[in-house]
Amino acid sequence: MPLAKALELAQEYDLDLVEVAATARPPVCKLMDYGKFKYESAMKAREARKNQAHTVIKEMKLRPKIDPHDYDTKKGHVVRFLKQGDKVKITIMFRGREQSRPELGFRLLQRLADDVQDLGFVESSPKQDGRNMIMVLGPHKKKTEAMAEARALADARKAERLGRTAGPEDDAEDLDDAELDADIVDAVETEELDAPVEAEAEAPEADAPVEQPAAPQGA
């Protein structure tokens, strides 16, 4: 189709003439709403980025002779990382004479792996790396699944919080409206009941005889 004819059709249907295959011979063009096309492409890209999962490796450092309380704290962080679908790199740091007893670090890593076996697995077995001993834990859940569960949980909590907040306020507003309507009705009835009484009370006063002043004596 000649270019002039294609431009005429695009103007007639209020569309854009877009070249989709510039290297073809002859070049291929398409009639479309280019603004709508760009918007839909941007929305698809945004949705793809939203559902895209990036593999993140967290790191947790421990000492061979770690305190029990510190161990529980570190283990809590590892559990949280695994629940989020992230890998965790565990590093045991040896100092001084501790380097002569690598079995302490190995036993500590095995203990940690056993404590979190419900959430993750040993992806890389413990191995010595200079003064450190390293082990990598991988999560059972995929990152996308963990993100979906976290998003659903956040939505549920938000809905519950909104429901808990809106309920008492709505009930209080309904109660206030009902009390206000009752007060208005009572006031109207009171005015209607009082109006005839006031009229009857004022009638005798209007018909009461007027006292004449007494005549002066000796007139």
N, C-alpha and C. Protein backbone atom coordinates (compact mmCIF):
# COMPACT_ATOMS: atom_id res chain seq x y z
N MET A 1 0.86 -1.19 0.00
CA MET A 1 0.00 0.00 0.00
C MET A 1 0.90 1.25 0.00
N PRO A 2 0.59 2.20 -0.82
CA PRO A 2 1.40 3.43 -0.82
C PRO A 2 1.33 4.15 0.52
N LEU A 3 2.39 4.88 0.83
CA LEU A 3 2.46 5.59 2.10
C LEU A 3 1.35 6.64 2.21
N ALA A 4 1.07 7.33 1.12
CA ALA A 4 0.03 8.36 1.16
C ALA A 4 -1.33 7.75 1.50
N LYS A 5 -1.62 6.56 0.93
CA LYS A 5 -2.88 5.89 1.22
C LYS A 5 -2.95 5.46 2.68
N ALA A 6 -1.84 4.95 3.22
CA ALA A 6 -1.81 4.53 4.62
C ALA A 6 -2.02 5.72 5.56
N LEU A 7 -1.39 6.85 5.24
CA LEU A 7 -1.58 8.05 6.06
C LEU A 7 -3.02 8.55 5.97
N GLU A 8 -3.62 8.41 4.81
CA GLU A 8 -5.00 8.83 4.65
C GLU A 8 -5.95 7.97 5.48
N LEU A 9 -5.70 6.65 5.49
CA LEU A 9 -6.52 5.75 6.32
C LEU A 9 -6.34 6.05 7.80
N ALA A 10 -5.11 6.32 8.24
CA ALA A 10 -4.85 6.63 9.64
C ALA A 10 -5.58 7.90 10.06
N GLN A 11 -5.59 8.91 9.19
CA GLN A 11 -6.29 10.15 9.49
C GLN A 11 -7.79 9.94 9.49
N GLU A 12 -8.28 9.07 8.60
CA GLU A 12 -9.71 8.83 8.50
C GLU A 12 -10.24 8.15 9.76
N TYR A 13 -9.50 7.17 10.29
CA TYR A 13 -9.94 6.42 11.47
C TYR A 13 -9.38 6.98 12.77
N ASP A 14 -8.72 8.13 12.70
CA ASP A 14 -8.15 8.79 13.88
C ASP A 14 -7.19 7.86 14.62
N LEU A 15 -6.29 7.24 13.88
CA LEU A 15 -5.30 6.33 14.45
C LEU A 15 -3.90 6.79 14.05
N ASP A 16 -2.89 6.08 14.57
CA ASP A 16 -1.50 6.40 14.26
C ASP A 16 -0.93 5.33 13.33
N LEU A 17 -0.08 5.75 12.41
CA LEU A 17 0.61 4.82 11.52
C LEU A 17 1.98 4.53 12.13
N VAL A 18 2.15 3.31 12.65
CA VAL A 18 3.36 2.96 13.39
C VAL A 18 4.13 1.91 12.61
N GLU A 19 5.43 2.13 12.45
CA GLU A 19 6.29 1.17 11.77
C GLU A 19 6.70 0.08 12.75
N VAL A 20 6.35 -1.15 12.49
CA VAL A 20 6.61 -2.26 13.41
C VAL A 20 7.76 -3.15 12.93
N ALA A 21 8.12 -3.10 11.66
CA ALA A 21 9.23 -3.91 11.13
C ALA A 21 9.99 -3.06 10.12
N ALA A 22 10.98 -2.35 10.65
CA ALA A 22 11.71 -1.42 9.78
C ALA A 22 12.67 -2.14 8.84
N THR A 23 13.15 -3.32 9.22
CA THR A 23 14.14 -4.03 8.41
C THR A 23 13.50 -4.85 7.29
N ALA A 24 12.18 -5.01 7.34
CA ALA A 24 11.52 -5.80 6.29
C ALA A 24 11.50 -5.00 4.99
N ARG A 25 11.38 -5.73 3.91
CA ARG A 25 11.31 -5.11 2.59
C ARG A 25 10.05 -5.58 1.88
N PRO A 26 9.03 -4.74 1.72
CA PRO A 26 8.98 -3.34 2.19
C PRO A 26 8.72 -3.28 3.69
N PRO A 27 8.99 -2.12 4.33
CA PRO A 27 8.74 -1.99 5.77
C PRO A 27 7.27 -2.23 6.10
N VAL A 28 7.05 -2.81 7.29
CA VAL A 28 5.69 -3.14 7.74
C VAL A 28 5.23 -2.09 8.73
N CYS A 29 4.05 -1.55 8.49
CA CYS A 29 3.45 -0.55 9.39
C CYS A 29 2.10 -1.06 9.87
N LYS A 30 1.62 -0.45 10.94
CA LYS A 30 0.37 -0.89 11.53
C LYS A 30 -0.42 0.33 12.00
N LEU A 31 -1.72 0.27 11.79
CA LEU A 31 -2.60 1.33 12.29
C LEU A 31 -3.00 1.00 13.73
N MET A 32 -2.74 1.91 14.64
CA MET A 32 -3.05 1.67 16.06
C MET A 32 -3.15 2.99 16.79
N ASP A 33 -3.71 2.89 18.02
CA ASP A 33 -3.71 4.02 18.94
C ASP A 33 -2.40 3.94 19.73
N TYR A 34 -1.42 4.72 19.32
CA TYR A 34 -0.09 4.58 19.90
C TYR A 34 -0.05 4.94 21.39
N GLY A 35 -0.85 5.92 21.81
CA GLY A 35 -0.89 6.28 23.23
C GLY A 35 -1.43 5.14 24.08
N LYS A 36 -2.49 4.49 23.60
CA LYS A 36 -3.05 3.35 24.31
C LYS A 36 -2.06 2.20 24.34
N PHE A 37 -1.35 2.00 23.23
CA PHE A 37 -0.36 0.93 23.16
C PHE A 37 0.77 1.14 24.18
N LYS A 38 1.26 2.37 24.30
CA LYS A 38 2.32 2.66 25.27
C LYS A 38 1.83 2.46 26.70
N TYR A 39 0.59 2.87 26.98
CA TYR A 39 0.03 2.72 28.32
C TYR A 39 -0.09 1.24 28.70
N GLU A 40 -0.63 0.43 27.77
CA GLU A 40 -0.77 -1.00 28.06
C GLU A 40 0.58 -1.68 28.22
N SER A 41 1.56 -1.26 27.45
CA SER A 41 2.91 -1.83 27.58
C SER A 41 3.52 -1.48 28.93
N ALA A 42 3.32 -0.25 29.37
CA ALA A 42 3.85 0.16 30.67
C ALA A 42 3.18 -0.60 31.80
N MET A 43 1.86 -0.83 31.70
CA MET A 43 1.15 -1.57 32.74
C MET A 43 1.61 -3.02 32.79
N LYS A 44 1.84 -3.64 31.63
CA LYS A 44 2.34 -5.01 31.61
C LYS A 44 3.73 -5.10 32.22
N ALA A 45 4.58 -4.14 31.90
CA ALA A 45 5.93 -4.14 32.48
C ALA A 45 5.89 -3.94 33.98
N ARG A 46 5.00 -3.08 34.43
CA ARG A 46 4.88 -2.85 35.87
C ARG A 46 4.39 -4.09 36.58
N GLU A 47 3.42 -4.80 36.00
CA GLU A 47 2.91 -6.02 36.61
C GLU A 47 3.99 -7.10 36.63
N ALA A 48 4.79 -7.16 35.58
CA ALA A 48 5.88 -8.14 35.53
C ALA A 48 6.92 -7.85 36.61
N ARG A 49 7.25 -6.58 36.81
CA ARG A 49 8.21 -6.23 37.87
C ARG A 49 7.65 -6.52 39.24
N LYS A 50 6.33 -6.34 39.39
CA LYS A 50 5.71 -6.58 40.69
C LYS A 50 5.80 -8.04 41.08
N ASN A 51 5.61 -8.94 40.12
CA ASN A 51 5.64 -10.37 40.39
C ASN A 51 7.03 -10.97 40.26
N GLN A 52 8.00 -10.17 39.88
CA GLN A 52 9.35 -10.68 39.71
C GLN A 52 10.02 -10.85 41.06
N ALA A 53 10.71 -11.94 41.23
CA ALA A 53 11.37 -12.24 42.50
C ALA A 53 12.88 -12.18 42.30
N HIS A 54 13.56 -11.42 43.13
CA HIS A 54 15.01 -11.32 43.09
C HIS A 54 15.60 -12.18 44.20
N THR A 55 16.51 -13.03 43.83
CA THR A 55 17.16 -13.89 44.82
C THR A 55 18.15 -13.06 45.64
N VAL A 56 17.92 -13.06 46.94
CA VAL A 56 18.76 -12.27 47.84
C VAL A 56 19.44 -13.23 48.81
N ILE A 57 20.73 -13.04 49.02
CA ILE A 57 21.48 -13.86 49.97
C ILE A 57 21.76 -13.01 51.20
N LYS A 58 21.14 -13.36 52.29
CA LYS A 58 21.39 -12.69 53.56
C LYS A 58 22.60 -13.35 54.23
N GLU A 59 23.23 -12.62 55.12
CA GLU A 59 24.39 -13.16 55.81
C GLU A 59 24.23 -12.99 57.31
N MET A 60 24.58 -14.03 58.04
CA MET A 60 24.53 -14.01 59.49
C MET A 60 25.86 -14.52 60.02
N LYS A 61 26.47 -13.72 60.90
CA LYS A 61 27.79 -14.07 61.44
C LYS A 61 27.67 -14.50 62.90
N LEU A 62 28.38 -15.58 63.25
CA LEU A 62 28.37 -16.11 64.60
C LEU A 62 29.79 -16.38 65.05
N ARG A 63 29.94 -16.53 66.35
CA ARG A 63 31.21 -16.92 66.95
C ARG A 63 31.09 -18.35 67.46
N PRO A 64 32.20 -19.11 67.51
CA PRO A 64 32.12 -20.50 67.97
C PRO A 64 31.57 -20.62 69.40
N LYS A 65 31.94 -19.70 70.28
CA LYS A 65 31.48 -19.76 71.66
C LYS A 65 30.40 -18.70 71.90
N ILE A 66 29.35 -18.78 71.11
CA ILE A 66 28.28 -17.79 71.19
C ILE A 66 27.41 -18.05 72.42
N ASP A 67 26.91 -16.98 73.02
CA ASP A 67 26.02 -17.09 74.17
C ASP A 67 24.67 -17.67 73.74
N PRO A 68 24.02 -18.47 74.59
CA PRO A 68 22.72 -19.06 74.21
C PRO A 68 21.67 -18.02 73.82
N HIS A 69 21.62 -16.91 74.53
CA HIS A 69 20.65 -15.86 74.19
C HIS A 69 20.96 -15.26 72.82
N ASP A 70 22.25 -15.02 72.56
CA ASP A 70 22.64 -14.48 71.25
C ASP A 70 22.34 -15.48 70.13
N TYR A 71 22.52 -16.75 70.44
CA TYR A 71 22.23 -17.78 69.44
C TYR A 71 20.75 -17.77 69.08
N ASP A 72 19.88 -17.66 70.08
CA ASP A 72 18.44 -17.62 69.81
C ASP A 72 18.08 -16.40 68.97
N THR A 73 18.71 -15.27 69.25
CA THR A 73 18.44 -14.06 68.47
C THR A 73 18.88 -14.24 67.02
N LYS A 74 20.09 -14.77 66.83
CA LYS A 74 20.58 -14.99 65.47
C LYS A 74 19.71 -16.01 64.73
N LYS A 75 19.30 -17.04 65.44
CA LYS A 75 18.45 -18.06 64.81
C LYS A 75 17.11 -17.46 64.40
N GLY A 76 16.58 -16.53 65.21
CA GLY A 76 15.33 -15.85 64.85
C GLY A 76 15.46 -15.08 63.55
N HIS A 77 16.60 -14.43 63.35
CA HIS A 77 16.83 -13.71 62.09
C HIS A 77 16.90 -14.68 60.91
N VAL A 78 17.56 -15.81 61.11
CA VAL A 78 17.66 -16.81 60.04
C VAL A 78 16.28 -17.35 59.68
N VAL A 79 15.46 -17.61 60.69
CA VAL A 79 14.09 -18.09 60.45
C VAL A 79 13.29 -17.05 59.65
N ARG A 80 13.45 -15.78 60.00
CA ARG A 80 12.72 -14.73 59.29
C ARG A 80 13.17 -14.64 57.83
N PHE A 81 14.47 -14.75 57.59
CA PHE A 81 14.97 -14.70 56.22
C PHE A 81 14.45 -15.87 55.39
N LEU A 82 14.45 -17.06 55.98
CA LEU A 82 13.97 -18.24 55.25
C LEU A 82 12.48 -18.14 54.96
N LYS A 83 11.71 -17.59 55.89
CA LYS A 83 10.28 -17.42 55.66
C LYS A 83 10.01 -16.44 54.53
N GLN A 84 10.91 -15.47 54.34
CA GLN A 84 10.77 -14.51 53.25
C GLN A 84 11.24 -15.07 51.92
N GLY A 85 11.75 -16.31 51.92
CA GLY A 85 12.20 -16.93 50.68
C GLY A 85 13.61 -16.57 50.29
N ASP A 86 14.42 -16.07 51.23
CA ASP A 86 15.79 -15.68 50.93
C ASP A 86 16.77 -16.76 51.38
N LYS A 87 17.90 -16.82 50.69
CA LYS A 87 18.98 -17.69 51.11
C LYS A 87 19.76 -17.02 52.25
N VAL A 88 20.37 -17.83 53.08
CA VAL A 88 21.12 -17.29 54.22
C VAL A 88 22.52 -17.90 54.22
N LYS A 89 23.50 -17.02 54.26
CA LYS A 89 24.89 -17.45 54.36
C LYS A 89 25.33 -17.32 55.81
N ILE A 90 25.68 -18.45 56.42
CA ILE A 90 26.09 -18.47 57.82
C ILE A 90 27.61 -18.50 57.88
N THR A 91 28.18 -17.55 58.60
CA THR A 91 29.63 -17.44 58.70
C THR A 91 30.04 -17.59 60.16
N ILE A 92 30.91 -18.55 60.44
CA ILE A 92 31.49 -18.71 61.77
C ILE A 92 32.88 -18.08 61.75
N MET A 93 33.09 -17.10 62.64
CA MET A 93 34.35 -16.37 62.67
C MET A 93 35.24 -16.91 63.80
N PHE A 94 36.44 -17.36 63.44
CA PHE A 94 37.40 -17.88 64.41
C PHE A 94 38.45 -16.82 64.69
N ARG A 95 38.83 -16.72 65.97
CA ARG A 95 39.86 -15.78 66.35
C ARG A 95 40.86 -16.49 67.28
N GLY A 96 42.13 -16.14 67.11
CA GLY A 96 43.18 -16.65 68.00
C GLY A 96 43.23 -18.17 68.01
N ARG A 97 43.19 -18.73 69.21
CA ARG A 97 43.31 -20.18 69.37
C ARG A 97 42.06 -20.93 68.89
N GLU A 98 40.96 -20.19 68.64
CA GLU A 98 39.76 -20.86 68.15
C GLU A 98 40.00 -21.50 66.78
N GLN A 99 41.00 -21.00 66.04
CA GLN A 99 41.26 -21.56 64.72
C GLN A 99 41.77 -23.00 64.79
N SER A 100 42.29 -23.39 65.94
CA SER A 100 42.77 -24.76 66.09
C SER A 100 41.65 -25.74 66.42
N ARG A 101 40.41 -25.26 66.57
CA ARG A 101 39.29 -26.14 66.90
C ARG A 101 38.12 -25.87 65.94
N PRO A 102 38.27 -26.22 64.70
CA PRO A 102 37.20 -25.98 63.72
C PRO A 102 35.96 -26.81 63.99
N GLU A 103 36.10 -27.89 64.78
CA GLU A 103 34.92 -28.72 65.06
C GLU A 103 33.86 -27.96 65.84
N LEU A 104 34.26 -26.92 66.59
CA LEU A 104 33.28 -26.12 67.31
C LEU A 104 32.35 -25.41 66.33
N GLY A 105 32.93 -24.83 65.30
CA GLY A 105 32.11 -24.16 64.30
C GLY A 105 31.26 -25.14 63.50
N PHE A 106 31.82 -26.32 63.21
CA PHE A 106 31.07 -27.32 62.45
C PHE A 106 29.84 -27.78 63.24
N ARG A 107 30.03 -28.05 64.53
CA ARG A 107 28.90 -28.50 65.36
C ARG A 107 27.84 -27.40 65.48
N LEU A 108 28.29 -26.14 65.57
CA LEU A 108 27.35 -25.03 65.67
C LEU A 108 26.53 -24.90 64.39
N LEU A 109 27.16 -25.06 63.25
CA LEU A 109 26.44 -24.98 61.97
C LEU A 109 25.45 -26.14 61.83
N GLN A 110 25.87 -27.33 62.24
CA GLN A 110 24.96 -28.47 62.19
C GLN A 110 23.76 -28.27 63.11
N ARG A 111 24.00 -27.70 64.26
CA ARG A 111 22.90 -27.42 65.20
C ARG A 111 21.91 -26.43 64.60
N LEU A 112 22.43 -25.37 63.98
CA LEU A 112 21.55 -24.37 63.38
C LEU A 112 20.76 -24.97 62.22
N ALA A 113 21.40 -25.81 61.41
CA ALA A 113 20.71 -26.44 60.29
C ALA A 113 19.58 -27.35 60.78
N ASP A 114 19.82 -28.05 61.89
CA ASP A 114 18.77 -28.91 62.45
C ASP A 114 17.62 -28.10 63.02
N ASP A 115 17.92 -26.93 63.60
CA ASP A 115 16.87 -26.11 64.20
C ASP A 115 15.94 -25.49 63.16
N VAL A 116 16.43 -25.26 61.95
CA VAL A 116 15.61 -24.60 60.93
C VAL A 116 15.31 -25.53 59.76
N GLN A 117 15.39 -26.83 59.97
CA GLN A 117 15.19 -27.77 58.87
C GLN A 117 13.77 -27.75 58.32
N ASP A 118 12.79 -27.28 59.13
CA ASP A 118 11.42 -27.18 58.63
C ASP A 118 11.25 -26.04 57.62
N LEU A 119 12.16 -25.06 57.67
CA LEU A 119 12.04 -23.90 56.78
C LEU A 119 13.08 -23.89 55.67
N GLY A 120 14.19 -24.54 55.87
CA GLY A 120 15.25 -24.50 54.87
C GLY A 120 16.09 -25.75 54.88
N PHE A 121 16.99 -25.83 53.94
CA PHE A 121 17.88 -26.99 53.79
C PHE A 121 19.30 -26.48 53.56
N VAL A 122 20.26 -27.37 53.77
CA VAL A 122 21.67 -27.02 53.59
C VAL A 122 21.98 -27.06 52.09
N GLU A 123 22.16 -25.90 51.52
CA GLU A 123 22.47 -25.81 50.09
C GLU A 123 23.95 -25.96 49.83
N SER A 124 24.76 -25.45 50.75
CA SER A 124 26.21 -25.58 50.65
C SER A 124 26.74 -26.04 52.01
N SER A 125 27.36 -27.20 52.03
CA SER A 125 27.84 -27.78 53.29
C SER A 125 28.92 -26.90 53.91
N PRO A 126 29.11 -27.00 55.22
CA PRO A 126 30.14 -26.20 55.89
C PRO A 126 31.53 -26.47 55.31
N LYS A 127 32.24 -25.38 55.07
CA LYS A 127 33.61 -25.51 54.55
C LYS A 127 34.45 -24.37 55.10
N GLN A 128 35.73 -24.66 55.29
CA GLN A 128 36.65 -23.68 55.84
C GLN A 128 37.07 -22.69 54.77
N ASP A 129 37.05 -21.40 55.12
CA ASP A 129 37.47 -20.34 54.20
C ASP A 129 38.35 -19.38 54.98
N GLY A 130 39.64 -19.71 55.05
CA GLY A 130 40.56 -18.88 55.83
C GLY A 130 40.26 -19.00 57.32
N ARG A 131 40.01 -17.88 57.94
CA ARG A 131 39.66 -17.88 59.36
C ARG A 131 38.18 -18.15 59.62
N ASN A 132 37.41 -18.25 58.59
CA ASN A 132 35.96 -18.42 58.73
C ASN A 132 35.52 -19.79 58.23
N MET A 133 34.36 -20.21 58.68
CA MET A 133 33.70 -21.40 58.18
C MET A 133 32.33 -20.98 57.67
N ILE A 134 31.96 -21.41 56.45
CA ILE A 134 30.78 -20.90 55.77
C ILE A 134 29.83 -22.04 55.43
N MET A 135 28.55 -21.77 55.59
CA MET A 135 27.50 -22.69 55.18
C MET A 135 26.35 -21.85 54.62
N VAL A 136 25.69 -22.35 53.57
CA VAL A 136 24.58 -21.64 52.93
C VAL A 136 23.31 -22.46 53.10
N LEU A 137 22.26 -21.79 53.59
CA LEU A 137 20.94 -22.41 53.75
C LEU A 137 20.00 -21.88 52.69
N GLY A 138 19.24 -22.77 52.08
CA GLY A 138 18.25 -22.39 51.08
C GLY A 138 16.85 -22.61 51.61
N PRO A 139 15.89 -21.75 51.24
CA PRO A 139 14.52 -21.89 51.74
C PRO A 139 13.75 -22.97 50.98
N HIS A 140 12.80 -23.62 51.66
CA HIS A 140 11.91 -24.56 50.99
C HIS A 140 10.92 -23.82 50.08
N LYS A 141 10.48 -22.63 50.51
CA LYS A 141 9.53 -21.85 49.72
C LYS A 141 10.26 -21.02 48.68
N LYS A 142 9.63 -20.86 47.55
CA LYS A 142 10.16 -19.96 46.55
C LYS A 142 9.87 -18.51 46.95
N LYS A 143 10.66 -17.62 46.39
CA LYS A 143 10.50 -16.20 46.72
C LYS A 143 9.12 -15.69 46.34
N THR A 144 8.61 -16.12 45.19
CA THR A 144 7.29 -15.65 44.73
C THR A 144 6.19 -16.12 45.68
N GLU A 145 6.29 -17.37 46.15
CA GLU A 145 5.29 -17.89 47.08
C GLU A 145 5.34 -17.12 48.40
N ALA A 146 6.54 -16.86 48.89
CA ALA A 146 6.66 -16.11 50.14
C ALA A 146 6.10 -14.70 49.99
N MET A 147 6.35 -14.06 48.85
CA MET A 147 5.83 -12.72 48.62
C MET A 147 4.31 -12.73 48.53
N ALA A 148 3.74 -13.74 47.87
CA ALA A 148 2.29 -13.83 47.76
C ALA A 148 1.65 -14.04 49.12
N GLU A 149 2.24 -14.91 49.95
CA GLU A 149 1.70 -15.14 51.29
C GLU A 149 1.81 -13.88 52.15
N ALA A 150 2.93 -13.20 52.06
CA ALA A 150 3.10 -11.97 52.84
C ALA A 150 2.10 -10.90 52.41
N ARG A 151 1.86 -10.79 51.09
CA ARG A 151 0.90 -9.81 50.59
C ARG A 151 -0.52 -10.15 51.04
N ALA A 152 -0.88 -11.45 50.98
CA ALA A 152 -2.22 -11.87 51.42
C ALA A 152 -2.40 -11.63 52.91
N LEU A 153 -1.36 -11.90 53.71
CA LEU A 153 -1.44 -11.67 55.14
C LEU A 153 -1.59 -10.19 55.45
N ALA A 154 -0.85 -9.35 54.73
CA ALA A 154 -0.96 -7.91 54.95
C ALA A 154 -2.35 -7.39 54.58
N ASP A 155 -2.92 -7.90 53.49
CA ASP A 155 -4.27 -7.48 53.09
C ASP A 155 -5.30 -7.92 54.12
N ALA A 156 -5.14 -9.14 54.66
CA ALA A 156 -6.07 -9.63 55.67
C ALA A 156 -6.00 -8.79 56.94
N ARG A 157 -4.79 -8.44 57.35
CA ARG A 157 -4.64 -7.61 58.55
C ARG A 157 -5.22 -6.23 58.33
N LYS A 158 -5.03 -5.68 57.14
CA LYS A 158 -5.57 -4.36 56.84
C LYS A 158 -7.09 -4.37 56.86
N ALA A 159 -7.69 -5.42 56.26
CA ALA A 159 -9.15 -5.52 56.24
C ALA A 159 -9.69 -5.70 57.65
N GLU A 160 -9.00 -6.50 58.46
CA GLU A 160 -9.45 -6.70 59.84
C GLU A 160 -9.35 -5.42 60.64
N ARG A 161 -8.26 -4.67 60.43
CA ARG A 161 -8.09 -3.41 61.16
C ARG A 161 -9.14 -2.39 60.75
N LEU A 162 -9.43 -2.32 59.46
CA LEU A 162 -10.47 -1.39 59.00
C LEU A 162 -11.84 -1.79 59.51
N GLY A 163 -12.11 -3.11 59.53
CA GLY A 163 -13.40 -3.57 60.04
C GLY A 163 -13.56 -3.30 61.52
N ARG A 164 -12.46 -3.49 62.28
CA ARG A 164 -12.53 -3.24 63.72
C ARG A 164 -12.68 -1.76 64.01
N THR A 165 -12.09 -0.91 63.17
CA THR A 165 -12.16 0.53 63.39
C THR A 165 -13.50 1.10 62.95
N ALA A 166 -14.02 0.60 61.83
CA ALA A 166 -15.25 1.17 61.28
C ALA A 166 -16.49 0.73 62.04
N GLY A 167 -16.49 -0.46 62.63
CA GLY A 167 -17.69 -0.98 63.28
C GLY A 167 -18.21 -0.11 64.41
N PRO A 168 -17.43 0.13 65.47
CA PRO A 168 -17.93 0.94 66.58
C PRO A 168 -18.30 2.36 66.16
N GLU A 169 -17.55 2.96 65.23
CA GLU A 169 -17.87 4.33 64.82
C GLU A 169 -19.21 4.38 64.10
N ASP A 170 -19.45 3.40 63.21
CA ASP A 170 -20.72 3.38 62.51
C ASP A 170 -21.88 3.19 63.47
N ASP A 171 -21.70 2.29 64.46
CA ASP A 171 -22.75 2.08 65.45
C ASP A 171 -22.99 3.34 66.27
N ALA A 172 -21.90 4.02 66.62
CA ALA A 172 -22.06 5.25 67.40
C ALA A 172 -22.77 6.32 66.59
N GLU A 173 -22.43 6.44 65.30
CA GLU A 173 -23.10 7.44 64.46
C GLU A 173 -24.58 7.12 64.32
N ASP A 174 -24.93 5.83 64.14
CA ASP A 174 -26.34 5.45 64.03
C ASP A 174 -27.07 5.76 65.33
N LEU A 175 -26.41 5.49 66.47
CA LEU A 175 -27.04 5.77 67.75
C LEU A 175 -27.24 7.27 67.96
N ASP A 176 -26.25 8.07 67.57
CA ASP A 176 -26.39 9.52 67.69
C ASP A 176 -27.51 10.05 66.82
N ASP A 177 -27.61 9.52 65.58
CA ASP A 177 -28.69 9.96 64.69
C ASP A 177 -30.05 9.59 65.26
N ALA A 178 -30.16 8.39 65.84
CA ALA A 178 -31.44 7.97 66.41
C ALA A 178 -31.82 8.85 67.60
N GLU A 179 -30.83 9.16 68.47
CA GLU A 179 -31.11 10.02 69.62
C GLU A 179 -31.51 11.42 69.16
N LEU A 180 -30.85 11.93 68.11
CA LEU A 180 -31.17 13.26 67.60
C LEU A 180 -32.60 13.29 67.04
N ASP A 181 -32.99 12.25 66.30
CA ASP A 181 -34.35 12.19 65.77
C ASP A 181 -35.37 12.13 66.89
N ALA A 182 -35.07 11.34 67.95
CA ALA A 182 -36.00 11.24 69.07
C ALA A 182 -36.14 12.59 69.77
N ASP A 183 -35.04 13.33 69.92
CA ASP A 183 -35.12 14.65 70.57
C ASP A 183 -35.96 15.61 69.74
N ILE A 184 -35.82 15.55 68.41
CA ILE A 184 -36.60 16.44 67.55
C ILE A 184 -38.09 16.12 67.66
N VAL A 185 -38.43 14.83 67.64
CA VAL A 185 -39.83 14.42 67.77
C VAL A 185 -40.41 14.87 69.10
N ASP A 186 -39.66 14.68 70.18
CA ASP A 186 -40.14 15.10 71.51
C ASP A 186 -40.36 16.61 71.54
N ALA A 187 -39.44 17.35 70.92
CA ALA A 187 -39.58 18.81 70.94
C ALA A 187 -40.81 19.25 70.15
N VAL A 188 -41.07 18.62 69.02
CA VAL A 188 -42.25 18.97 68.21
C VAL A 188 -43.52 18.65 68.96
N GLU A 189 -43.57 17.45 69.59
CA GLU A 189 -44.77 17.08 70.34
C GLU A 189 -44.99 18.02 71.52
N THR A 190 -43.92 18.43 72.17
CA THR A 190 -44.05 19.35 73.30
C THR A 190 -44.61 20.68 72.85
N GLU A 191 -44.13 21.19 71.70
CA GLU A 191 -44.65 22.46 71.20
C GLU A 191 -46.12 22.34 70.83
N GLU A 192 -46.51 21.22 70.22
CA GLU A 192 -47.92 21.05 69.84
C GLU A 192 -48.82 20.95 71.06
N LEU A 193 -48.34 20.31 72.13
CA LEU A 193 -49.15 20.19 73.35
C LEU A 193 -49.23 21.50 74.11
N ASP A 194 -48.16 22.28 74.09
CA ASP A 194 -48.14 23.52 74.87
C ASP A 194 -48.90 24.63 74.18
N ALA A 195 -49.00 24.60 72.86
CA ALA A 195 -49.63 25.71 72.13
C ALA A 195 -51.08 25.93 72.54
N PRO A 196 -52.01 24.94 72.60
CA PRO A 196 -53.40 25.20 72.99
C PRO A 196 -53.53 25.68 74.43
N VAL A 197 -52.69 25.18 75.32
CA VAL A 197 -52.77 25.59 76.72
C VAL A 197 -52.47 27.06 76.85
N GLU A 198 -51.45 27.53 76.13
CA GLU A 198 -51.13 28.95 76.20
C GLU A 198 -52.25 29.79 75.64
N ALA A 199 -52.89 29.29 74.55
CA ALA A 199 -54.00 30.04 73.96
C ALA A 199 -55.17 30.13 74.93
N GLU A 200 -55.50 29.00 75.59
CA GLU A 200 -56.59 29.01 76.55
C GLU A 200 -56.28 29.88 77.77
N ALA A 201 -55.01 29.88 78.15
CA ALA A 201 -54.63 30.68 79.32
C ALA A 201 -54.67 32.15 78.99
N GLU A 202 -54.39 32.53 77.75
CA GLU A 202 -54.39 33.94 77.39
C GLU A 202 -55.80 34.46 77.12
N ALA A 203 -56.77 33.58 76.77
CA ALA A 203 -58.13 34.03 76.44
C ALA A 203 -58.80 34.74 77.59
N PRO A 204 -58.86 34.17 78.84
CA PRO A 204 -59.51 34.89 79.93
C PRO A 204 -58.88 36.24 80.19
N GLU A 205 -57.60 36.36 80.03
CA GLU A 205 -56.96 37.65 80.29
C GLU A 205 -57.46 38.70 79.31
N ALA A 206 -57.74 38.27 78.06
CA ALA A 206 -58.23 39.23 77.07
C ALA A 206 -59.65 39.68 77.39
N ASP A 207 -60.52 38.79 77.97
CA ASP A 207 -61.90 39.12 78.28
C ASP A 207 -62.09 39.69 79.68
N ALA A 208 -61.11 39.79 80.49
CA ALA A 208 -61.24 40.27 81.88
C ALA A 208 -61.65 41.73 81.87
N PRO A 209 -62.65 42.13 82.74
CA PRO A 209 -63.12 43.53 82.78
C PRO A 209 -62.04 44.46 83.28
N VAL A 210 -62.09 45.65 82.74
CA VAL A 210 -61.09 46.65 83.12
C VAL A 210 -61.68 47.47 84.28
N GLU A 211 -60.99 47.61 85.37
CA GLU A 211 -61.47 48.38 86.53
C GLU A 211 -61.46 49.86 86.24
N GLN A 212 -62.61 50.51 86.56
CA GLN A 212 -62.73 51.95 86.36
C GLN A 212 -62.16 52.68 87.56
N PRO A 213 -61.52 53.76 87.36
CA PRO A 213 -60.99 54.50 88.52
C PRO A 213 -62.14 55.11 89.35
N ALA A 214 -61.99 55.14 90.64
CA ALA A 214 -63.05 55.66 91.55
C ALA A 214 -63.18 57.17 91.40
N ALA A 215 -64.43 57.63 91.49
CA ALA A 215 -64.68 59.09 91.39
C ALA A 215 -64.18 59.78 92.62
N PRO A 216 -63.63 60.95 92.53
CA PRO A 216 -63.16 61.69 93.73
C PRO A 216 -64.32 62.20 94.56
N GLN A 217 -64.13 62.14 95.87
CA GLN A 217 -65.16 62.58 96.80
C GLN A 217 -65.28 64.12 96.76
N GLY A 218 -66.56 64.54 96.92
CA GLY A 218 -66.83 65.98 96.94
C GLY A 218 -66.99 66.55 95.56
N ALA A 219 -67.05 65.72 94.55
CA ALA A 219 -67.23 66.26 93.21
C ALA A 219 -68.70 66.49 92.94
